[in-house]
N, C-alpha and C. Protein backbone atom coordinates (compact mmCIF):
# COMPACT_ATOMS: atom_id res chain seq x y z
N MET A 1 -64.19 -75.70 -24.55
CA MET A 1 -64.66 -76.42 -23.42
C MET A 1 -64.24 -75.87 -22.29
N ASN A 2 -64.84 -75.89 -21.07
CA ASN A 2 -64.68 -75.21 -19.84
C ASN A 2 -63.19 -75.76 -19.35
N LEU A 3 -62.27 -74.72 -18.99
CA LEU A 3 -61.18 -75.30 -18.48
C LEU A 3 -61.18 -76.27 -17.16
N LYS A 4 -62.12 -75.88 -16.44
CA LYS A 4 -62.09 -76.43 -15.20
C LYS A 4 -62.69 -77.86 -15.36
N LEU A 5 -63.61 -78.17 -16.43
CA LEU A 5 -63.95 -79.07 -17.01
C LEU A 5 -62.75 -80.06 -17.53
N VAL A 6 -62.03 -79.43 -18.11
CA VAL A 6 -60.94 -80.22 -18.62
C VAL A 6 -59.91 -81.00 -17.33
N VAL A 7 -59.78 -80.10 -16.46
CA VAL A 7 -59.02 -80.38 -15.25
C VAL A 7 -59.71 -81.32 -14.62
N ALA A 8 -60.81 -81.27 -14.32
CA ALA A 8 -61.62 -82.55 -13.82
C ALA A 8 -61.58 -83.73 -14.37
N ILE A 9 -61.83 -83.68 -15.87
CA ILE A 9 -61.63 -84.91 -16.69
C ILE A 9 -60.12 -85.55 -16.48
N SER A 10 -59.05 -84.62 -16.55
CA SER A 10 -57.79 -85.03 -16.59
C SER A 10 -57.62 -85.75 -15.37
N LEU A 11 -58.19 -85.02 -14.24
CA LEU A 11 -57.83 -85.73 -12.83
C LEU A 11 -58.37 -87.05 -12.55
N PHE A 12 -59.67 -87.38 -13.11
CA PHE A 12 -60.00 -88.63 -12.94
C PHE A 12 -59.48 -89.54 -13.93
N ALA A 13 -58.86 -89.03 -14.90
CA ALA A 13 -58.06 -89.89 -15.87
C ALA A 13 -56.73 -90.13 -15.52
N ALA A 14 -55.94 -89.09 -15.14
CA ALA A 14 -54.67 -89.36 -14.82
C ALA A 14 -54.24 -89.77 -13.33
N THR A 15 -55.07 -89.40 -12.45
CA THR A 15 -54.72 -89.71 -10.88
C THR A 15 -54.54 -91.18 -10.86
N PRO A 16 -55.49 -92.23 -11.33
CA PRO A 16 -55.12 -93.56 -11.03
C PRO A 16 -53.98 -94.18 -11.84
N THR A 17 -53.55 -93.65 -12.92
CA THR A 17 -52.33 -94.10 -13.48
C THR A 17 -51.39 -93.72 -12.64
N LEU A 18 -51.33 -92.65 -12.10
CA LEU A 18 -50.04 -92.29 -11.12
C LEU A 18 -49.93 -93.18 -9.92
N ALA A 19 -51.11 -93.38 -9.34
CA ALA A 19 -51.07 -94.21 -8.21
C ALA A 19 -50.79 -95.61 -8.45
N GLN A 20 -51.24 -96.33 -9.60
CA GLN A 20 -51.02 -97.29 -10.09
C GLN A 20 -49.38 -97.76 -10.55
N ALA A 21 -48.93 -96.59 -11.07
CA ALA A 21 -47.67 -96.82 -11.59
C ALA A 21 -46.70 -96.74 -10.35
N GLN A 22 -47.15 -96.30 -9.15
CA GLN A 22 -46.30 -96.15 -8.02
C GLN A 22 -46.22 -97.40 -7.10
N LYS A 23 -47.52 -98.08 -7.09
CA LYS A 23 -47.81 -99.35 -6.23
C LYS A 23 -46.64 -100.38 -7.03
N ASP A 24 -46.31 -101.21 -5.76
CA ASP A 24 -45.67 -102.47 -6.04
C ASP A 24 -46.55 -103.56 -6.19
N GLY A 25 -46.43 -104.46 -7.01
CA GLY A 25 -47.30 -105.65 -7.19
C GLY A 25 -48.35 -105.37 -8.20
N PRO A 26 -49.32 -106.27 -8.46
CA PRO A 26 -50.23 -106.21 -9.17
C PRO A 26 -51.45 -105.61 -8.58
N VAL A 27 -52.13 -105.00 -9.60
CA VAL A 27 -53.32 -103.76 -9.27
C VAL A 27 -54.48 -104.87 -9.25
N ALA A 28 -55.54 -105.03 -8.57
CA ALA A 28 -56.91 -105.61 -8.39
C ALA A 28 -57.66 -104.74 -9.10
N ALA A 29 -58.47 -105.53 -9.99
CA ALA A 29 -59.63 -104.71 -10.90
C ALA A 29 -60.53 -104.36 -10.13
N VAL A 30 -60.81 -102.78 -10.40
CA VAL A 30 -61.92 -102.16 -9.51
C VAL A 30 -62.94 -101.98 -10.52
N PRO A 31 -64.17 -102.21 -9.95
CA PRO A 31 -65.34 -101.96 -10.91
C PRO A 31 -65.72 -100.57 -11.27
N LYS A 32 -66.19 -100.44 -12.50
CA LYS A 32 -66.66 -99.07 -12.79
C LYS A 32 -67.69 -98.45 -11.98
N PRO A 33 -67.49 -97.31 -11.58
CA PRO A 33 -68.37 -96.56 -10.40
C PRO A 33 -69.71 -96.17 -11.26
N THR A 34 -70.68 -96.02 -10.55
CA THR A 34 -71.93 -95.19 -11.09
C THR A 34 -71.87 -93.70 -10.77
N VAL A 35 -72.62 -93.24 -11.67
CA VAL A 35 -72.66 -91.55 -11.56
C VAL A 35 -73.08 -91.22 -10.00
N ALA A 36 -73.76 -92.26 -9.58
CA ALA A 36 -74.46 -91.75 -8.12
C ALA A 36 -73.39 -91.89 -7.08
N GLU A 37 -72.52 -92.93 -7.29
CA GLU A 37 -71.26 -93.07 -6.56
C GLU A 37 -70.41 -91.97 -6.53
N ALA A 38 -70.24 -91.47 -7.86
CA ALA A 38 -69.26 -90.17 -8.10
C ALA A 38 -70.11 -88.86 -7.38
N GLN A 39 -71.30 -88.93 -7.55
CA GLN A 39 -72.10 -87.65 -6.88
C GLN A 39 -71.89 -87.87 -5.17
N LYS A 40 -71.92 -88.87 -4.87
CA LYS A 40 -71.83 -89.32 -3.21
C LYS A 40 -70.51 -88.76 -3.11
N VAL A 41 -69.51 -89.38 -3.56
CA VAL A 41 -67.99 -89.00 -3.18
C VAL A 41 -67.79 -87.16 -3.23
N ALA A 42 -68.36 -86.86 -4.37
CA ALA A 42 -68.23 -85.36 -4.68
C ALA A 42 -69.06 -84.28 -3.72
N GLN A 43 -70.19 -84.98 -3.15
CA GLN A 43 -70.80 -84.30 -1.97
C GLN A 43 -69.94 -84.32 -0.82
N THR A 44 -69.37 -85.50 -0.56
CA THR A 44 -68.52 -85.68 0.71
C THR A 44 -67.43 -84.59 0.80
N ILE A 45 -66.61 -84.74 -0.29
CA ILE A 45 -65.38 -83.97 -0.63
C ILE A 45 -65.87 -82.46 -0.68
N GLY A 46 -66.86 -82.00 -1.22
CA GLY A 46 -67.48 -80.60 -1.30
C GLY A 46 -68.10 -80.14 0.24
N GLY A 47 -68.29 -81.04 0.90
CA GLY A 47 -68.87 -80.69 2.34
C GLY A 47 -67.82 -80.73 3.52
N ASP A 48 -66.41 -81.04 3.03
CA ASP A 48 -65.34 -81.10 4.01
C ASP A 48 -64.50 -80.14 3.61
N LYS A 49 -64.04 -79.01 4.21
CA LYS A 49 -63.32 -78.14 3.90
C LYS A 49 -61.83 -78.68 3.71
N THR A 50 -61.34 -79.61 4.36
CA THR A 50 -59.91 -80.29 4.23
C THR A 50 -60.00 -80.78 3.13
N LYS A 51 -61.03 -81.90 2.94
CA LYS A 51 -61.14 -82.75 1.63
C LYS A 51 -61.10 -81.91 0.38
N LEU A 52 -62.00 -80.79 0.51
CA LEU A 52 -61.90 -79.92 -0.92
C LEU A 52 -60.78 -79.23 -1.09
N GLN A 53 -59.81 -78.84 0.15
CA GLN A 53 -58.65 -77.98 -0.27
C GLN A 53 -57.83 -79.15 -0.88
N ALA A 54 -57.69 -80.28 -0.31
CA ALA A 54 -56.93 -81.41 -0.96
C ALA A 54 -57.14 -81.55 -2.37
N TYR A 55 -58.60 -81.78 -2.55
CA TYR A 55 -58.92 -81.82 -4.01
C TYR A 55 -58.65 -80.59 -4.95
N CYS A 56 -58.81 -79.56 -4.29
CA CYS A 56 -58.22 -78.23 -5.26
C CYS A 56 -56.81 -78.43 -5.38
N ASP A 57 -55.95 -78.70 -4.33
CA ASP A 57 -54.41 -78.75 -4.62
C ASP A 57 -54.20 -79.80 -5.48
N LEU A 58 -54.72 -81.04 -5.51
CA LEU A 58 -54.65 -82.10 -6.66
C LEU A 58 -54.64 -81.19 -7.81
N GLY A 59 -55.67 -80.37 -8.03
CA GLY A 59 -56.09 -79.96 -9.35
C GLY A 59 -54.84 -78.98 -10.07
N LYS A 60 -54.55 -78.31 -8.95
CA LYS A 60 -53.09 -77.44 -9.29
C LYS A 60 -51.84 -78.39 -9.38
N LEU A 61 -51.85 -79.36 -8.59
CA LEU A 61 -50.56 -80.38 -9.02
C LEU A 61 -50.70 -80.88 -10.45
N GLN A 62 -52.02 -81.14 -10.68
CA GLN A 62 -52.24 -81.91 -12.29
C GLN A 62 -51.66 -80.75 -13.19
N ASP A 63 -51.95 -79.34 -12.99
CA ASP A 63 -51.70 -78.51 -13.93
C ASP A 63 -49.79 -78.42 -13.87
N GLN A 64 -49.24 -78.65 -12.90
CA GLN A 64 -47.98 -78.56 -12.86
C GLN A 64 -47.26 -79.49 -13.55
N MET A 65 -47.92 -81.02 -13.46
CA MET A 65 -47.53 -82.13 -13.84
C MET A 65 -47.69 -82.09 -15.47
N GLU A 66 -48.94 -81.49 -16.13
CA GLU A 66 -48.93 -81.45 -17.48
C GLU A 66 -47.74 -80.23 -17.99
N GLU A 67 -47.23 -79.04 -17.24
CA GLU A 67 -46.39 -78.21 -17.73
C GLU A 67 -45.02 -79.00 -17.57
N THR A 68 -44.73 -80.13 -16.82
CA THR A 68 -43.69 -80.61 -16.67
C THR A 68 -43.13 -81.46 -17.89
N ASN A 69 -42.07 -81.32 -18.35
CA ASN A 69 -41.46 -82.09 -19.46
C ASN A 69 -41.48 -83.61 -19.03
N GLU A 70 -41.96 -84.45 -19.87
CA GLU A 70 -42.04 -85.76 -19.84
C GLU A 70 -40.77 -86.56 -19.37
N LYS A 71 -39.94 -86.15 -20.01
CA LYS A 71 -38.48 -86.62 -19.89
C LYS A 71 -37.79 -86.22 -18.28
N ASP A 72 -38.55 -85.33 -17.39
CA ASP A 72 -38.26 -85.05 -16.29
C ASP A 72 -38.50 -85.97 -15.30
N THR A 73 -38.39 -87.18 -15.41
CA THR A 73 -38.88 -88.15 -14.52
C THR A 73 -38.76 -87.86 -13.17
N LYS A 74 -37.48 -87.39 -12.52
CA LYS A 74 -37.55 -87.15 -11.11
C LYS A 74 -38.70 -86.21 -10.63
N THR A 75 -38.96 -85.19 -11.55
CA THR A 75 -39.93 -84.15 -11.03
C THR A 75 -41.26 -84.68 -11.10
N LEU A 76 -41.54 -85.53 -12.21
CA LEU A 76 -42.89 -86.40 -12.23
C LEU A 76 -43.20 -87.27 -11.03
N ASP A 77 -41.82 -87.94 -10.75
CA ASP A 77 -42.15 -88.93 -9.59
C ASP A 77 -42.61 -88.07 -8.48
N ALA A 78 -41.74 -87.00 -8.00
CA ALA A 78 -42.32 -86.31 -6.89
C ALA A 78 -43.75 -85.50 -6.99
N LEU A 79 -44.00 -85.14 -8.10
CA LEU A 79 -45.34 -84.63 -8.06
C LEU A 79 -46.41 -85.62 -8.01
N GLY A 80 -45.90 -86.88 -8.54
CA GLY A 80 -46.90 -88.07 -8.44
C GLY A 80 -46.96 -88.62 -6.92
N ALA A 81 -45.78 -88.48 -6.28
CA ALA A 81 -46.03 -88.70 -4.69
C ALA A 81 -46.85 -87.77 -4.00
N LYS A 82 -46.74 -86.51 -4.33
CA LYS A 82 -47.70 -85.41 -3.75
C LYS A 82 -49.09 -85.88 -4.25
N ALA A 83 -49.18 -86.22 -5.40
CA ALA A 83 -50.70 -86.42 -5.79
C ALA A 83 -51.39 -87.87 -5.21
N ASP A 84 -50.48 -88.73 -4.97
CA ASP A 84 -50.96 -89.87 -4.17
C ASP A 84 -51.31 -89.56 -2.76
N ALA A 85 -50.60 -88.61 -2.13
CA ALA A 85 -50.69 -88.28 -0.49
C ALA A 85 -51.91 -87.39 -0.44
N LEU A 86 -52.16 -86.46 -1.53
CA LEU A 86 -53.49 -85.69 -1.41
C LEU A 86 -54.53 -86.52 -1.80
N ALA A 87 -54.58 -87.52 -2.95
CA ALA A 87 -55.89 -88.54 -2.87
C ALA A 87 -56.28 -89.16 -1.74
N GLU A 88 -54.99 -89.73 -0.96
CA GLU A 88 -55.13 -90.19 0.21
C GLU A 88 -55.87 -89.48 1.22
N LYS A 89 -55.39 -88.25 1.29
CA LYS A 89 -56.02 -87.38 1.94
C LYS A 89 -57.57 -87.07 1.95
N ILE A 90 -57.78 -87.10 0.64
CA ILE A 90 -59.24 -86.88 0.38
C ILE A 90 -60.07 -88.10 0.89
N GLY A 91 -59.46 -89.49 0.75
CA GLY A 91 -60.20 -90.58 1.44
C GLY A 91 -60.19 -91.89 0.54
N PRO A 92 -60.36 -92.91 1.13
CA PRO A 92 -60.56 -94.04 0.44
C PRO A 92 -61.44 -94.16 -0.65
N ASP A 93 -62.54 -93.55 -0.41
CA ASP A 93 -63.67 -93.39 -1.32
C ASP A 93 -63.38 -92.92 -2.63
N TYR A 94 -62.63 -91.70 -2.42
CA TYR A 94 -62.16 -90.90 -3.77
C TYR A 94 -61.17 -91.86 -4.65
N VAL A 95 -60.18 -92.36 -3.76
CA VAL A 95 -59.39 -93.11 -4.32
C VAL A 95 -59.95 -94.43 -5.08
N LYS A 96 -60.95 -95.08 -4.48
CA LYS A 96 -61.50 -96.40 -5.13
C LYS A 96 -62.20 -95.46 -6.31
N LEU A 97 -62.86 -94.48 -6.33
CA LEU A 97 -63.77 -93.90 -7.65
C LEU A 97 -62.68 -93.67 -8.54
N MET A 98 -61.50 -93.29 -8.32
CA MET A 98 -60.65 -92.91 -9.26
C MET A 98 -60.03 -93.92 -10.00
N ASP A 99 -59.93 -95.09 -9.09
CA ASP A 99 -59.19 -96.31 -9.59
C ASP A 99 -60.23 -96.79 -10.58
N GLY A 100 -61.55 -96.75 -10.14
CA GLY A 100 -62.89 -97.29 -10.94
C GLY A 100 -62.94 -96.53 -12.53
N LEU A 101 -62.58 -95.10 -12.25
CA LEU A 101 -62.89 -94.40 -13.55
C LEU A 101 -61.80 -94.50 -14.67
N ASP A 102 -60.67 -95.19 -14.09
CA ASP A 102 -59.77 -95.60 -14.94
C ASP A 102 -60.17 -96.48 -16.18
N GLU A 103 -61.35 -97.19 -15.64
CA GLU A 103 -61.95 -98.12 -16.73
C GLU A 103 -62.91 -97.35 -17.74
N VAL A 104 -62.96 -96.00 -17.13
CA VAL A 104 -63.90 -95.34 -18.34
C VAL A 104 -63.38 -94.53 -19.05
N ASP A 105 -63.76 -94.39 -20.48
CA ASP A 105 -63.19 -93.30 -21.32
C ASP A 105 -63.80 -92.13 -21.33
N PRO A 106 -63.03 -91.08 -20.89
CA PRO A 106 -63.81 -89.72 -20.56
C PRO A 106 -64.45 -89.06 -21.83
N ASP A 107 -63.98 -89.87 -23.20
CA ASP A 107 -64.75 -89.26 -24.24
C ASP A 107 -65.95 -89.98 -24.48
N SER A 108 -66.39 -90.97 -24.00
CA SER A 108 -67.27 -91.94 -24.32
C SER A 108 -68.57 -91.28 -23.69
N ALA A 109 -69.74 -91.73 -24.20
CA ALA A 109 -71.21 -91.10 -23.53
C ALA A 109 -71.27 -91.40 -22.12
N GLU A 110 -70.65 -92.46 -21.59
CA GLU A 110 -70.49 -93.08 -20.15
C GLU A 110 -69.55 -91.95 -19.47
N GLY A 111 -68.51 -91.65 -20.05
CA GLY A 111 -67.56 -90.75 -19.51
C GLY A 111 -67.91 -89.21 -19.13
N LYS A 112 -68.76 -88.89 -20.43
CA LYS A 112 -69.31 -87.52 -20.31
C LYS A 112 -70.46 -87.45 -19.19
N GLN A 113 -70.82 -88.70 -18.65
CA GLN A 113 -71.94 -88.43 -17.77
C GLN A 113 -71.28 -87.98 -16.14
N PHE A 114 -69.91 -88.20 -16.14
CA PHE A 114 -69.28 -88.03 -14.89
C PHE A 114 -68.66 -86.61 -14.85
N ALA A 115 -68.55 -86.19 -16.06
CA ALA A 115 -67.90 -84.55 -16.13
C ALA A 115 -68.94 -83.51 -15.49
N PRO A 116 -70.13 -83.46 -15.37
CA PRO A 116 -70.93 -82.56 -14.50
C PRO A 116 -70.56 -82.67 -13.14
N VAL A 117 -70.33 -83.93 -12.75
CA VAL A 117 -70.25 -84.25 -11.16
C VAL A 117 -68.82 -83.51 -10.67
N PHE A 118 -67.71 -83.60 -11.68
CA PHE A 118 -66.49 -83.25 -11.37
C PHE A 118 -66.50 -81.59 -11.43
N GLU A 119 -67.17 -81.16 -12.52
CA GLU A 119 -67.30 -79.79 -12.71
C GLU A 119 -67.80 -78.90 -11.71
N ALA A 120 -68.99 -79.37 -11.03
CA ALA A 120 -69.46 -78.83 -9.83
C ALA A 120 -68.56 -78.42 -8.69
N LEU A 121 -67.84 -79.98 -8.72
CA LEU A 121 -66.86 -79.85 -7.57
C LEU A 121 -65.68 -78.98 -7.83
N ALA A 122 -65.20 -78.80 -9.17
CA ALA A 122 -64.05 -77.85 -9.24
C ALA A 122 -64.66 -76.36 -9.20
N LYS A 123 -65.86 -76.05 -9.33
CA LYS A 123 -66.24 -74.97 -9.09
C LYS A 123 -66.21 -74.25 -7.79
N GLN A 124 -65.96 -75.32 -6.71
CA GLN A 124 -65.79 -74.79 -5.33
C GLN A 124 -64.32 -74.56 -5.11
N CYS A 125 -63.40 -74.76 -6.08
CA CYS A 125 -62.01 -74.55 -5.80
C CYS A 125 -61.89 -73.06 -6.12
N LYS A 126 -61.06 -72.50 -5.22
CA LYS A 126 -60.80 -70.78 -5.59
C LYS A 126 -59.42 -70.64 -5.99
């Protein structure tokens, strides 16, 4: 499997978990997004250099988080806070999309429909 694809899938699977784990109080249910909604968000990110850089930095941060020992909660919390800040920098549509994708199994047929959207976006990262 393409490494960038794995990173993209990991991002959409892990980012909402990080954001939800750090919020105080209950999290409202967010509806599953459509592929068209994901494409729209990806186009917005890809068309804005600042958002694209934040997205690419988020991918690098995800790599750091995967390399960090799970027992090192202090480091993981710090990286999680950075990930949340980057997600917010990308924009509320991205955060909403990621929250909705938390309801989608990336290994399912439905989840696999989103992979090309994020793979195309990841190709823009340098």
